[in-house]
């Protein structure tokens, strides 16, 4: 009998094993990629919305601050008595205006000819009688109305913004203006207002005027510089607010939300690096891979065994074909035919095994459980967060809160309106938290906030701010509601987290018993 030709031979067993392995690998990679893309886009969308809300809130606060500054100046303009001839009176009013708040770095009175009549603080009085020709002064003299000037660089190399109110005589003649200056490169209330940024994820704020000049930036060296080649700033003054993903002037991919301050035309931008935003999705996919690799190895062993099982009856059929002249060939082929049914069942088992793997990936994506009504975490999420904090030996503060007289809301308006109130409270909680804080709904109208790394004073401030926002925000058709809050602190190694929760619950009870709509802190 001649010998068969030696060499590489692709038989059906090898092809089935290769095809099965390739199918499993492709499905795994597709699942990994789809999971990563979905999680990544969710993180980007959430961050864009958060940045937009934060920028809009700061734009509104800045608008209120500038309006308040103009009102102070308007009062001083009215108290001037319709004349700029009484130098002593003007100087006293300038000193009073500067002393009554920290809104301005300096205050002054200028007549219609641009001559400085009074100024505070005292070191600047050497300028009295001088003719002011700064861009801010010329703009105020030209406009003759309440004005927030275009920022300009002074002779002393200060970046200055001037707020001014015109002064008119009783017969309507224009006499000059009273003004207050903000030195944007020095400490002022505007820096304090925008400097308290609670996120710890690489995000930051900056403010630009319509000339693309930076008025505020965490890097003080950049204040006063003009920004070019920034796609966001290119459209900042074409829209009142919005979001954008872009590459900034330093070549970094960023995601940002922006809003404008109507009274001044300034744009406030809250942005963060894209890389840090999507970092959690990378950790998630690594976790998925780590869990699924052992299952994939087990699946590979199963595939090898299945390939042998599938090819065994085929080899028997081939042997039968080579021995058609044998008496027992019919029986042997009959026996092999039963194996085709078993082969189909094994194929179904393989597909079922792959489906189980897909379901395993799906369960990983659902591990972060949320409350279906509010979108906040539930008790399972709370327990997991506490376990992680305890494992990392991290201190934290806990704020427990509930809605005052919530049963009355349900009784008067129905449970649908009560659910609406719960959702509204959840949204207000999100506006008061930092990135990394844990928000949960742990009962009917009872909520909880975990603030990792926060001190008790910071937690009390967060609780008080949330209490004020809730009390000031009407919820149709209920109107305004109030909440009571209890605060407690848990040291990293000195206290059981459950004890901190109990202390916060007791503080909440004290707040309820003391009249509601208040914050109580546990001092234990």
Protein backbone atom coordinates (compact mmCIF):
# COMPACT_ATOMS: atom_id res chain seq x y z
CA UNK A 1 0.00 0.00 0.00
CA UNK A 2 1.55 3.31 -0.98
CA UNK A 3 2.41 5.81 1.76
CA UNK A 4 0.39 9.02 2.02
CA UNK A 5 2.21 12.22 1.14
CA UNK A 6 3.60 13.84 4.26
CA UNK A 7 3.15 17.55 5.03
CA UNK A 8 0.70 20.02 6.52
CA UNK A 9 -2.84 18.71 6.21
CA UNK A 10 -5.94 20.74 7.15
CA UNK A 11 -8.58 18.32 8.34
CA UNK A 12 -12.11 19.12 9.47
CA UNK A 13 -11.16 18.88 13.14
CA UNK A 14 -8.54 21.61 12.77
CA UNK A 15 -10.88 23.85 10.77
CA UNK A 16 -13.70 23.51 13.33
CA UNK A 17 -11.31 24.31 16.18
CA UNK A 18 -9.91 27.37 14.36
CA UNK A 19 -13.36 28.63 13.38
CA UNK A 20 -14.76 28.16 16.89
CA UNK A 21 -11.78 29.89 18.46
CA UNK A 22 -11.94 32.78 16.00
CA UNK A 23 -15.69 33.20 16.62
CA UNK A 24 -15.22 33.29 20.38
CA UNK A 25 -12.32 35.77 20.17
CA UNK A 26 -14.22 38.08 17.78
CA UNK A 27 -17.30 38.05 20.00
CA UNK A 28 -15.21 38.75 23.10
CA UNK A 29 -13.36 41.62 21.45
CA UNK A 30 -16.63 43.03 20.09
CA UNK A 31 -18.17 42.87 23.55
CA UNK A 32 -15.14 44.58 25.10
CA UNK A 33 -15.15 47.32 22.47
CA UNK A 34 -18.91 47.93 22.69
CA UNK A 35 -18.82 48.06 26.49
CA UNK A 36 -15.89 50.46 26.43
CA UNK A 37 -17.48 52.79 23.86
CA UNK A 38 -20.83 52.90 25.66
CA UNK A 39 -19.27 53.59 29.06
CA UNK A 40 -16.90 56.16 27.57
CA UNK A 41 -19.70 58.11 25.87
CA UNK A 42 -21.83 58.03 29.01
CA UNK A 43 -18.96 59.53 31.01
CA UNK A 44 -18.36 62.22 28.38
CA UNK A 45 -22.05 63.15 28.18
CA UNK A 46 -22.34 63.33 31.96
CA UNK A 47 -19.22 65.49 32.27
CA UNK A 48 -20.36 67.85 29.50
CA UNK A 49 -23.69 68.36 31.23
CA UNK A 50 -22.03 68.83 34.63
CA UNK A 51 -19.61 71.42 33.25
CA UNK A 52 -22.47 73.30 31.54
CA UNK A 53 -24.51 73.41 34.75
CA UNK A 54 -21.50 74.54 36.79
CA UNK A 55 -20.52 77.26 34.29
CA UNK A 56 -24.13 78.53 34.11
CA UNK A 57 -24.34 78.66 37.90
CA UNK A 58 -21.11 80.65 38.19
CA UNK A 59 -22.21 82.97 35.37
CA UNK A 60 -25.42 83.67 37.27
CA UNK A 61 -23.50 84.32 40.51
CA UNK A 62 -21.08 86.63 38.70
CA UNK A 63 -24.01 88.50 37.15
CA UNK A 64 -25.53 89.02 40.61
CA UNK A 65 -22.18 90.20 41.98
CA UNK A 66 -21.71 92.79 39.21
CA UNK A 67 -25.32 94.00 39.54
CA UNK A 68 -24.80 94.42 43.30
CA UNK A 69 -21.60 96.40 42.70
CA UNK A 70 -23.44 98.74 40.32
CA UNK A 71 -26.22 99.21 42.88
CA UNK A 72 -23.67 100.24 45.51
CA UNK A 73 -22.23 102.77 43.07
CA UNK A 74 -25.72 104.02 42.20
CA UNK A 75 -26.38 104.75 45.87
CA UNK A 76 -23.12 106.70 46.10
CA UNK A 77 -24.05 108.62 42.95
CA UNK A 78 -27.39 109.59 44.53
CA UNK A 79 -25.74 110.66 47.81
CA UNK A 80 -23.36 113.01 46.02
CA UNK A 81 -26.12 115.61 46.13
CA UNK A 82 -25.95 116.45 42.44
CA UNK A 83 -22.58 118.23 42.80
CA UNK A 84 -18.89 117.35 42.74
CA UNK A 85 -17.70 120.59 44.33
CA UNK A 86 -17.57 119.35 47.94
CA UNK A 87 -14.20 117.53 47.93
CA UNK A 88 -14.42 116.49 51.60
CA UNK A 89 -17.86 115.03 51.14
CA UNK A 90 -16.76 113.11 48.03
CA UNK A 91 -13.71 111.74 49.88
CA UNK A 92 -15.83 110.53 52.79
CA UNK A 93 -18.25 108.83 50.41
CA UNK A 94 -15.36 107.20 48.54
CA UNK A 95 -13.96 105.86 51.82
CA UNK A 96 -17.38 104.63 52.92
CA UNK A 97 -17.97 102.88 49.61
CA UNK A 98 -14.61 101.09 49.81
CA UNK A 99 -15.08 100.13 53.47
CA UNK A 100 -18.63 98.79 53.25
CA UNK A 101 -17.64 95.69 51.28
CA UNK A 102 -14.73 93.99 49.59
CA UNK A 103 -16.31 94.37 46.15
CA UNK A 104 -13.67 96.88 44.94
CA UNK A 105 -9.92 97.36 45.18
CA UNK A 106 -10.37 101.15 44.87
CA UNK A 107 -13.23 103.67 44.60
CA UNK A 108 -13.19 107.18 43.13
CA UNK A 109 -15.15 110.17 41.82
CA UNK A 110 -14.32 111.72 38.40
CA UNK A 111 -15.86 114.87 36.95
CA UNK A 112 -17.11 115.35 33.40
CA UNK A 113 -13.68 116.55 32.27
CA UNK A 114 -12.01 113.37 33.49
CA UNK A 115 -10.40 115.03 36.53
CA UNK A 116 -10.05 112.83 39.62
CA UNK A 117 -11.93 114.50 42.52
CA UNK A 118 -11.73 111.82 45.24
CA UNK A 119 -10.16 108.36 45.59
CA UNK A 120 -9.63 105.60 48.15
CA UNK A 121 -7.57 103.92 49.54
CA UNK A 122 -5.30 106.62 50.98
CA UNK A 123 -2.07 105.67 49.13
CA UNK A 124 -3.75 106.63 45.84
CA UNK A 125 -4.62 110.20 46.88
CA UNK A 126 -1.47 111.50 45.27
CA UNK A 127 -3.41 111.17 42.02
CA UNK A 128 -6.08 113.73 43.04
CA UNK A 129 -6.52 116.47 40.46
CA UNK A 130 -5.02 114.41 37.67
CA UNK A 131 -6.75 114.03 34.33
CA UNK A 132 -7.59 110.33 33.88
CA UNK A 133 -7.12 108.99 30.37
CA UNK A 134 -7.35 105.27 31.05
CA UNK A 135 -9.57 103.23 28.69
CA UNK A 136 -11.99 102.58 31.57
CA UNK A 137 -12.33 106.28 32.37
CA UNK A 138 -12.75 107.29 28.73
CA UNK A 139 -15.38 104.60 28.23
CA UNK A 140 -17.34 105.74 31.30
CA UNK A 141 -17.21 109.41 30.18
CA UNK A 142 -18.30 108.45 26.69
CA UNK A 143 -21.15 106.08 27.61
CA UNK A 144 -22.61 108.09 30.55
CA UNK A 145 -24.54 105.08 31.87
CA UNK A 146 -24.19 102.24 34.34
CA UNK A 147 -21.23 100.35 32.93
CA UNK A 148 -18.88 97.42 33.42
CA UNK A 149 -15.87 98.51 31.39
CA UNK A 150 -13.83 96.52 28.94
CA UNK A 151 -10.84 95.11 30.89
CA UNK A 152 -7.62 97.04 30.24
CA UNK A 153 -3.99 97.12 31.35
CA UNK A 154 -3.22 100.11 33.59
CA UNK A 155 0.03 102.08 33.74
CA UNK A 156 0.95 100.05 36.83
CA UNK A 157 0.54 96.87 34.74
CA UNK A 158 -2.65 95.87 36.55
CA UNK A 159 -5.44 94.18 34.64
CA UNK A 160 -8.35 96.43 35.62
CA UNK A 161 -12.12 96.36 35.25
CA UNK A 162 -14.02 99.52 36.20
CA UNK A 163 -17.68 99.54 37.33
CA UNK A 164 -19.21 103.02 37.11
CA UNK A 165 -22.44 104.96 37.60
CA UNK A 166 -23.04 108.41 36.05
CA UNK A 167 -23.75 111.45 38.23
CA UNK A 168 -26.24 114.04 37.01
CA UNK A 169 -27.15 117.44 38.43
CA UNK A 170 -30.73 118.18 39.38
CA UNK A 171 -31.17 120.03 36.08
CA UNK A 172 -30.01 116.96 34.15
CA UNK A 173 -26.46 118.07 33.39
CA UNK A 174 -23.83 115.32 33.30
CA UNK A 175 -21.32 115.96 36.13
CA UNK A 176 -19.11 112.88 35.94
CA UNK A 177 -19.19 109.42 37.48
CA UNK A 178 -18.45 107.37 40.56
CA UNK A 179 -16.44 104.23 39.95
CA UNK A 180 -14.96 101.17 41.56
CA UNK A 181 -12.05 99.17 40.18
CA UNK A 182 -11.21 95.49 40.38
CA UNK A 183 -7.57 94.52 39.96
CA UNK A 184 -7.86 91.11 38.34
CA UNK A 185 -4.20 90.27 38.92
CA UNK A 186 -4.54 90.94 42.64
CA UNK A 187 -6.75 89.39 45.29
CA UNK A 188 -10.38 90.53 45.05
CA UNK A 189 -13.85 89.16 45.60
CA UNK A 190 -14.05 88.07 41.98
CA UNK A 191 -11.04 85.75 42.46
CA UNK A 192 -12.59 84.34 45.64
CA UNK A 193 -15.91 83.81 43.89
CA UNK A 194 -14.44 81.72 41.09
CA UNK A 195 -11.56 80.17 43.00
CA UNK A 196 -13.68 77.79 45.08
CA UNK A 197 -13.81 74.91 42.60
CA UNK A 198 -14.89 71.70 44.28
CA UNK A 199 -13.92 69.12 41.66
CA UNK A 200 -10.75 67.07 42.06
CA UNK A 201 -10.65 65.44 38.62
CA UNK A 202 -8.36 67.87 36.79
CA UNK A 203 -11.19 70.23 35.83
CA UNK A 204 -10.82 73.99 36.18
CA UNK A 205 -12.43 77.31 35.33
CA UNK A 206 -11.39 80.31 33.35
CA UNK A 207 -13.04 83.57 32.26
CA UNK A 208 -12.49 85.50 29.02
CA UNK A 209 -13.86 88.79 27.71
CA UNK A 210 -15.04 89.49 24.16
CA UNK A 211 -11.45 90.37 23.19
CA UNK A 212 -10.33 86.81 24.11
CA UNK A 213 -8.38 88.15 27.11
CA UNK A 214 -8.18 85.87 30.15
CA UNK A 215 -9.71 87.59 33.18
CA UNK A 216 -9.43 84.63 35.53
CA UNK A 217 -7.38 81.43 35.32
CA UNK A 218 -6.02 79.01 37.95
CA UNK A 219 -2.56 79.82 36.58
CA UNK A 220 -2.21 83.45 37.70
CA UNK A 221 0.55 84.02 35.15
CA UNK A 222 -1.95 83.62 32.31
CA UNK A 223 -4.37 86.29 33.59
CA UNK A 224 -4.36 89.17 31.10
CA UNK A 225 -3.03 87.14 28.18
CA UNK A 226 -4.96 86.78 24.92
CA UNK A 227 -5.92 83.24 23.88
CA UNK A 228 -5.70 82.27 20.22
CA UNK A 229 -6.34 79.02 18.36
CA UNK A 230 -8.99 77.82 20.80
CA UNK A 231 -12.13 76.46 19.05
CA UNK A 232 -14.29 76.95 22.13
CA UNK A 233 -13.40 80.62 22.55
CA UNK A 234 -13.98 81.12 18.82
CA UNK A 235 -17.69 80.43 19.31
CA UNK A 236 -18.03 81.49 22.94
CA UNK A 237 -19.60 84.85 22.15
CA UNK A 238 -21.84 83.48 19.41
CA UNK A 239 -23.82 81.41 21.91
CA UNK A 240 -25.04 82.21 25.42
CA UNK A 241 -24.23 78.71 26.68
CA UNK A 242 -23.38 75.25 25.45
CA UNK A 243 -20.96 72.33 25.55
CA UNK A 244 -18.08 71.26 23.34
CA UNK A 245 -15.37 68.65 23.02
CA UNK A 246 -12.24 70.18 21.50
CA UNK A 247 -8.45 70.47 21.50
CA UNK A 248 -7.26 73.52 23.43
CA UNK A 249 -4.42 75.91 22.61
CA UNK A 250 -1.96 73.66 24.48
CA UNK A 251 -2.89 70.63 22.35
CA UNK A 252 -4.91 68.79 25.02
CA UNK A 253 -8.27 67.21 24.30
CA UNK A 254 -10.83 68.82 26.60
CA UNK A 255 -14.56 68.69 27.30
CA UNK A 256 -16.20 71.89 28.46
CA UNK A 257 -19.40 73.67 29.32
CA UNK A 258 -19.67 77.43 28.98
CA UNK A 259 -22.03 80.29 29.77
CA UNK A 260 -21.91 84.06 29.36
CA UNK A 261 -22.44 86.87 31.86
CA UNK A 262 -24.97 89.18 30.10
CA UNK A 263 -24.09 92.38 31.97
CA UNK A 264 -20.40 92.24 30.98
CA UNK A 265 -20.28 89.88 28.01
CA UNK A 266 -17.69 87.71 29.76
CA UNK A 267 -17.60 84.00 29.10
CA UNK A 268 -17.16 81.48 31.94
CA UNK A 269 -15.79 78.08 30.91
CA UNK A 270 -15.67 74.93 33.07
CA UNK A 271 -13.54 72.25 31.44
CA UNK A 272 -11.60 69.11 32.19
CA UNK A 273 -9.17 66.84 30.28
CA UNK A 274 -10.82 64.14 28.20
CA UNK A 275 -8.24 61.58 29.35
CA UNK A 276 -9.23 61.93 33.00
CA UNK A 277 -12.92 61.91 32.14
CA UNK A 278 -12.79 58.54 30.37
CA UNK A 279 -10.33 56.95 32.79
CA UNK A 280 -13.10 55.09 34.72
CA UNK A 281 -14.22 53.36 31.50
CA UNK A 282 -10.68 52.06 31.00
CA UNK A 283 -10.67 50.64 34.52
CA UNK A 284 -14.05 49.03 33.86
CA UNK A 285 -12.93 47.28 30.68
CA UNK A 286 -9.80 46.03 32.47
CA UNK A 287 -12.02 44.57 35.18
CA UNK A 288 -14.19 42.91 32.54
CA UNK A 289 -11.12 41.44 30.83
CA UNK A 290 -9.73 40.21 34.15
CA UNK A 291 -12.95 38.40 34.97
CA UNK A 292 -13.61 36.99 31.51
CA UNK A 293 -10.10 35.67 30.73
CA UNK A 294 -10.43 32.63 33.05
CA UNK A 295 -13.82 31.91 31.51
CA UNK A 296 -12.29 32.23 28.05
CA UNK A 297 -9.55 29.74 28.99
CA UNK A 298 -12.17 27.29 30.22
CA UNK A 299 -14.07 27.86 27.00
CA UNK A 300 -10.92 27.10 24.99
CA UNK A 301 -10.55 23.74 26.72
CA UNK A 302 -14.21 23.03 26.02
CA UNK A 303 -13.69 23.93 22.35
CA UNK A 304 -10.80 21.51 22.05
CA UNK A 305 -12.86 18.72 23.55
CA UNK A 306 -15.85 19.57 21.35
CA UNK A 307 -13.66 19.50 18.22
CA UNK A 308 -12.55 15.97 19.11
CA UNK A 309 -16.12 14.93 19.80
CA UNK A 310 -17.38 16.37 16.50
CA UNK A 311 -14.65 14.79 14.37
CA UNK A 312 -14.83 11.32 15.96
CA UNK A 313 -18.05 10.29 14.15
CA UNK A 314 -16.73 11.83 10.93
CA UNK A 315 -13.63 9.65 11.18
CA UNK A 316 -15.95 6.70 11.73
CA UNK A 317 -17.89 7.63 8.58
CA UNK A 318 -14.65 7.86 6.63
CA UNK A 319 -13.60 4.42 7.90
CA UNK A 320 -16.96 3.07 6.87
CA UNK A 321 -16.56 4.57 3.39
CA UNK A 322 -13.21 2.83 3.05
CA UNK A 323 -14.76 -0.47 4.01
CA UNK A 324 -17.98 -0.62 2.06
CA UNK A 325 -17.36 -4.23 1.41
CA UNK A 326 -17.48 -5.19 5.07
CA UNK A 327 -20.54 -6.87 6.52
CA UNK A 328 -20.89 -4.62 9.48
CA UNK A 329 -20.72 -1.32 7.50
CA UNK A 330 -24.49 -0.69 7.67
CA UNK A 331 -24.58 -1.03 11.42
CA UNK A 332 -21.55 1.19 11.87
CA UNK A 333 -23.02 3.95 9.64
CA UNK A 334 -26.37 3.67 11.41
CA UNK A 335 -24.62 4.18 14.70
CA UNK A 336 -22.77 7.22 13.34
CA UNK A 337 -25.96 8.87 12.18
CA UNK A 338 -27.08 9.24 15.80
CA UNK A 339 -23.99 11.30 16.44
CA UNK A 340 -25.15 14.05 14.04
CA UNK A 341 -27.96 14.86 16.43
CA UNK A 342 -25.49 14.89 19.31
CA UNK A 343 -23.14 17.11 17.26
CA UNK A 344 -25.97 19.61 16.77
CA UNK A 345 -26.65 19.52 20.51
CA UNK A 346 -22.95 20.18 21.21
CA UNK A 347 -23.06 23.13 18.82
CA UNK A 348 -26.05 24.49 20.69
CA UNK A 349 -24.17 23.95 23.96
CA UNK A 350 -21.23 25.97 22.62
CA UNK A 351 -23.50 28.80 21.56
CA UNK A 352 -25.22 28.61 24.93
CA UNK A 353 -21.82 28.85 26.64
CA UNK A 354 -20.95 31.95 24.66
CA UNK A 355 -24.33 33.45 25.55
CA UNK A 356 -23.55 32.82 29.19
CA UNK A 357 -20.31 34.74 28.77
CA UNK A 358 -22.19 37.63 27.17
CA UNK A 359 -24.63 37.62 30.06
CA UNK A 360 -21.68 37.70 32.46
CA UNK A 361 -20.39 40.88 30.78
CA UNK A 362 -23.90 42.34 30.95
CA UNK A 363 -24.08 41.60 34.67
CA UNK A 364 -20.78 43.41 35.19
CA UNK A 365 -22.27 46.53 33.57
CA UNK A 366 -25.28 46.26 35.89
CA UNK A 367 -23.19 45.82 39.05
CA UNK A 368 -23.46 49.56 39.76
CA UNK A 369 -27.04 49.48 40.96
CA UNK A 370 -29.14 52.63 40.93
CA UNK A 371 -32.44 53.70 42.37
CA UNK A 372 -34.85 53.58 39.36
CA UNK A 373 -36.82 56.65 40.49
CA UNK A 374 -34.03 59.16 41.16
CA UNK A 375 -31.02 57.70 39.37
CA UNK A 376 -29.02 57.83 42.62
CA UNK A 377 -27.31 54.84 44.19
CA UNK A 378 -29.28 52.41 46.31
CA UNK A 379 -28.31 50.63 49.53
CA UNK A 380 -26.20 48.06 47.67
CA UNK A 381 -24.21 50.89 46.12
CA UNK A 382 -23.89 52.51 49.57
CA UNK A 383 -22.59 49.29 51.14
CA UNK A 384 -20.05 48.84 48.33
CA UNK A 385 -18.85 52.44 48.68
CA UNK A 386 -18.44 52.09 52.46
CA UNK A 387 -16.49 48.86 51.97
CA UNK A 388 -14.13 50.55 49.51
CA UNK A 389 -13.59 53.52 51.83
CA UNK A 390 -12.87 51.20 54.74
CA UNK A 391 -10.52 49.06 52.64
CA UNK A 392 -8.61 52.18 51.54
CA UNK A 393 -8.51 53.51 55.14
CA UNK A 394 -10.03 56.79 53.97
CA UNK A 395 -11.88 59.19 56.22
CA UNK A 396 -15.21 60.56 55.09
CA UNK A 397 -18.23 62.56 56.14
CA UNK A 398 -21.81 61.39 55.86
CA UNK A 399 -24.88 63.58 55.41
CA UNK A 400 -28.28 61.98 56.02
CA UNK A 401 -31.32 63.99 54.97
CA UNK A 402 -35.01 63.63 54.41
CA UNK A 403 -37.89 65.79 53.23
CA UNK A 404 -39.89 67.55 55.92
CA UNK A 405 -43.59 66.57 55.99
CA UNK A 406 -43.24 64.36 52.92
CA UNK A 407 -46.32 62.33 53.88
CA UNK A 408 -48.37 65.52 53.71
CA UNK A 409 -47.14 66.07 50.12
CA UNK A 410 -48.21 62.57 49.12
CA UNK A 411 -51.58 62.96 50.85
CA UNK A 412 -52.33 66.37 49.29
CA UNK A 413 -50.91 65.93 45.80
CA UNK A 414 -50.64 62.20 45.22
CA UNK A 415 -47.73 59.82 44.92
CA UNK A 416 -46.86 60.90 41.36
CA UNK A 417 -46.16 64.44 42.58
CA UNK A 418 -44.30 62.99 45.55
CA UNK A 419 -42.08 61.05 43.14
CA UNK A 420 -41.49 64.28 41.22
CA UNK A 421 -40.36 65.97 44.44
CA UNK A 422 -37.94 63.08 45.10
CA UNK A 423 -36.46 63.39 41.61
CA UNK A 424 -36.12 67.15 41.96
CA UNK A 425 -34.30 66.75 45.29
CA UNK A 426 -31.92 64.26 43.66
CA UNK A 427 -31.07 66.80 40.94
CA UNK A 428 -30.42 69.50 43.54
CA UNK A 429 -28.14 67.11 45.44
CA UNK A 430 -26.08 66.58 42.28
CA UNK A 431 -25.49 70.32 41.95
CA UNK A 432 -24.00 70.47 45.45
CA UNK A 433 -21.65 67.51 45.29
CA UNK A 434 -18.09 67.01 44.13
CA UNK A 435 -16.79 64.46 41.66
CA UNK A 436 -16.26 61.32 43.73
CA UNK A 437 -19.03 62.01 46.25
CA UNK A 438 -21.57 59.21 46.65
CA UNK A 439 -25.27 60.09 46.47
CA UNK A 440 -27.86 57.50 47.52
CA UNK A 441 -31.54 57.14 48.19
CA UNK A 442 -31.81 54.80 51.16
CA UNK A 443 -35.51 55.01 51.96
CA UNK A 444 -38.80 56.52 50.90
CA UNK A 445 -37.86 60.18 51.37
CA UNK A 446 -34.49 59.55 53.03
CA UNK A 447 -31.25 60.32 51.17
CA UNK A 448 -27.57 60.08 52.00
CA UNK A 449 -24.35 61.74 50.82
CA UNK A 450 -20.86 60.33 51.37
CA UNK A 451 -18.04 62.90 51.09
CA UNK A 452 -14.68 61.03 50.96
CA UNK A 453 -11.78 62.96 52.48
CA UNK A 454 -13.99 65.87 53.59
CA UNK A 455 -13.69 67.46 57.00
CA UNK A 456 -16.71 67.98 59.23
CA UNK A 457 -16.70 71.74 58.53
CA UNK A 458 -16.73 71.15 54.77
CA UNK A 459 -19.59 68.66 55.12
CA UNK A 460 -21.59 71.12 57.23
CA UNK A 461 -21.08 73.80 54.57
CA UNK A 462 -22.23 71.39 51.83
CA UNK A 463 -25.29 70.41 53.89
CA UNK A 464 -26.18 74.02 54.63
CA UNK A 465 -25.79 74.99 50.97
CA UNK A 466 -28.05 72.10 49.92
CA UNK A 467 -30.61 73.08 52.57
CA UNK A 468 -30.73 76.67 51.29
CA UNK A 469 -30.96 75.64 47.63
CA UNK A 470 -33.84 73.24 48.32
CA UNK A 471 -35.71 75.84 50.40
CA UNK A 472 -35.29 78.43 47.65
CA UNK A 473 -36.20 76.22 44.68
CA UNK A 474 -39.95 75.86 43.99
CA UNK A 475 -41.18 72.49 42.73
CA UNK A 476 -44.44 72.68 40.80
CA UNK A 477 -47.19 72.20 41.90
CA UNK A 478 -46.03 71.69 45.50
CA UNK A 479 -44.11 74.96 45.79
CA UNK A 480 -41.08 75.03 48.05
CA UNK A 481 -40.17 72.17 50.35
CA UNK A 482 -37.63 71.94 53.14
CA UNK A 483 -35.23 69.25 54.28
CA UNK A 484 -33.57 68.35 57.55
CA UNK A 485 -29.98 67.09 57.58
CA UNK A 486 -27.69 65.26 59.96
CA UNK A 487 -23.89 65.29 59.53
CA UNK A 488 -21.22 63.02 61.00
CA UNK A 489 -17.51 62.36 60.41
CA UNK A 490 -15.73 59.03 60.26
CA UNK A 491 -11.94 58.92 60.76
CA UNK A 492 -9.98 56.53 58.57
CA UNK A 493 -8.86 54.01 61.23
CA UNK A 494 -10.63 55.04 64.41
CA UNK A 495 -14.29 54.42 63.76
CA UNK A 496 -16.64 51.85 62.28
CA UNK A 497 -18.47 53.33 59.25
CA UNK A 498 -21.75 51.99 60.61
CA UNK A 499 -21.23 54.09 63.76
CA UNK A 500 -20.85 57.23 61.62
CA UNK A 501 -24.14 56.42 59.87
CA UNK A 502 -25.86 55.99 63.21
CA UNK A 503 -24.43 59.30 64.45
CA UNK A 504 -25.70 61.06 61.32
CA UNK A 505 -29.15 59.47 61.83
CA UNK A 506 -29.20 60.74 65.41
CA UNK A 507 -28.18 64.21 64.25
CA UNK A 508 -31.00 64.11 61.69
CA UNK A 509 -33.41 63.20 64.47
CA UNK A 510 -32.18 66.19 66.49
CA UNK A 511 -32.73 68.45 63.45
CA UNK A 512 -36.28 67.11 63.10
CA UNK A 513 -37.00 67.53 66.78
CA UNK A 514 -35.55 71.07 66.76
CA UNK A 515 -38.02 72.39 64.22
CA UNK A 516 -36.91 70.93 60.83
CA UNK A 517 -35.31 72.81 57.90
CA UNK A 518 -31.93 72.82 59.66
CA UNK A 519 -28.56 71.09 59.77
CA UNK A 520 -27.29 69.31 62.87
CA UNK A 521 -23.81 67.80 63.20
CA UNK A 522 -22.78 64.95 65.44
CA UNK A 523 -19.95 65.99 67.76
CA UNK A 524 -19.26 62.45 68.99
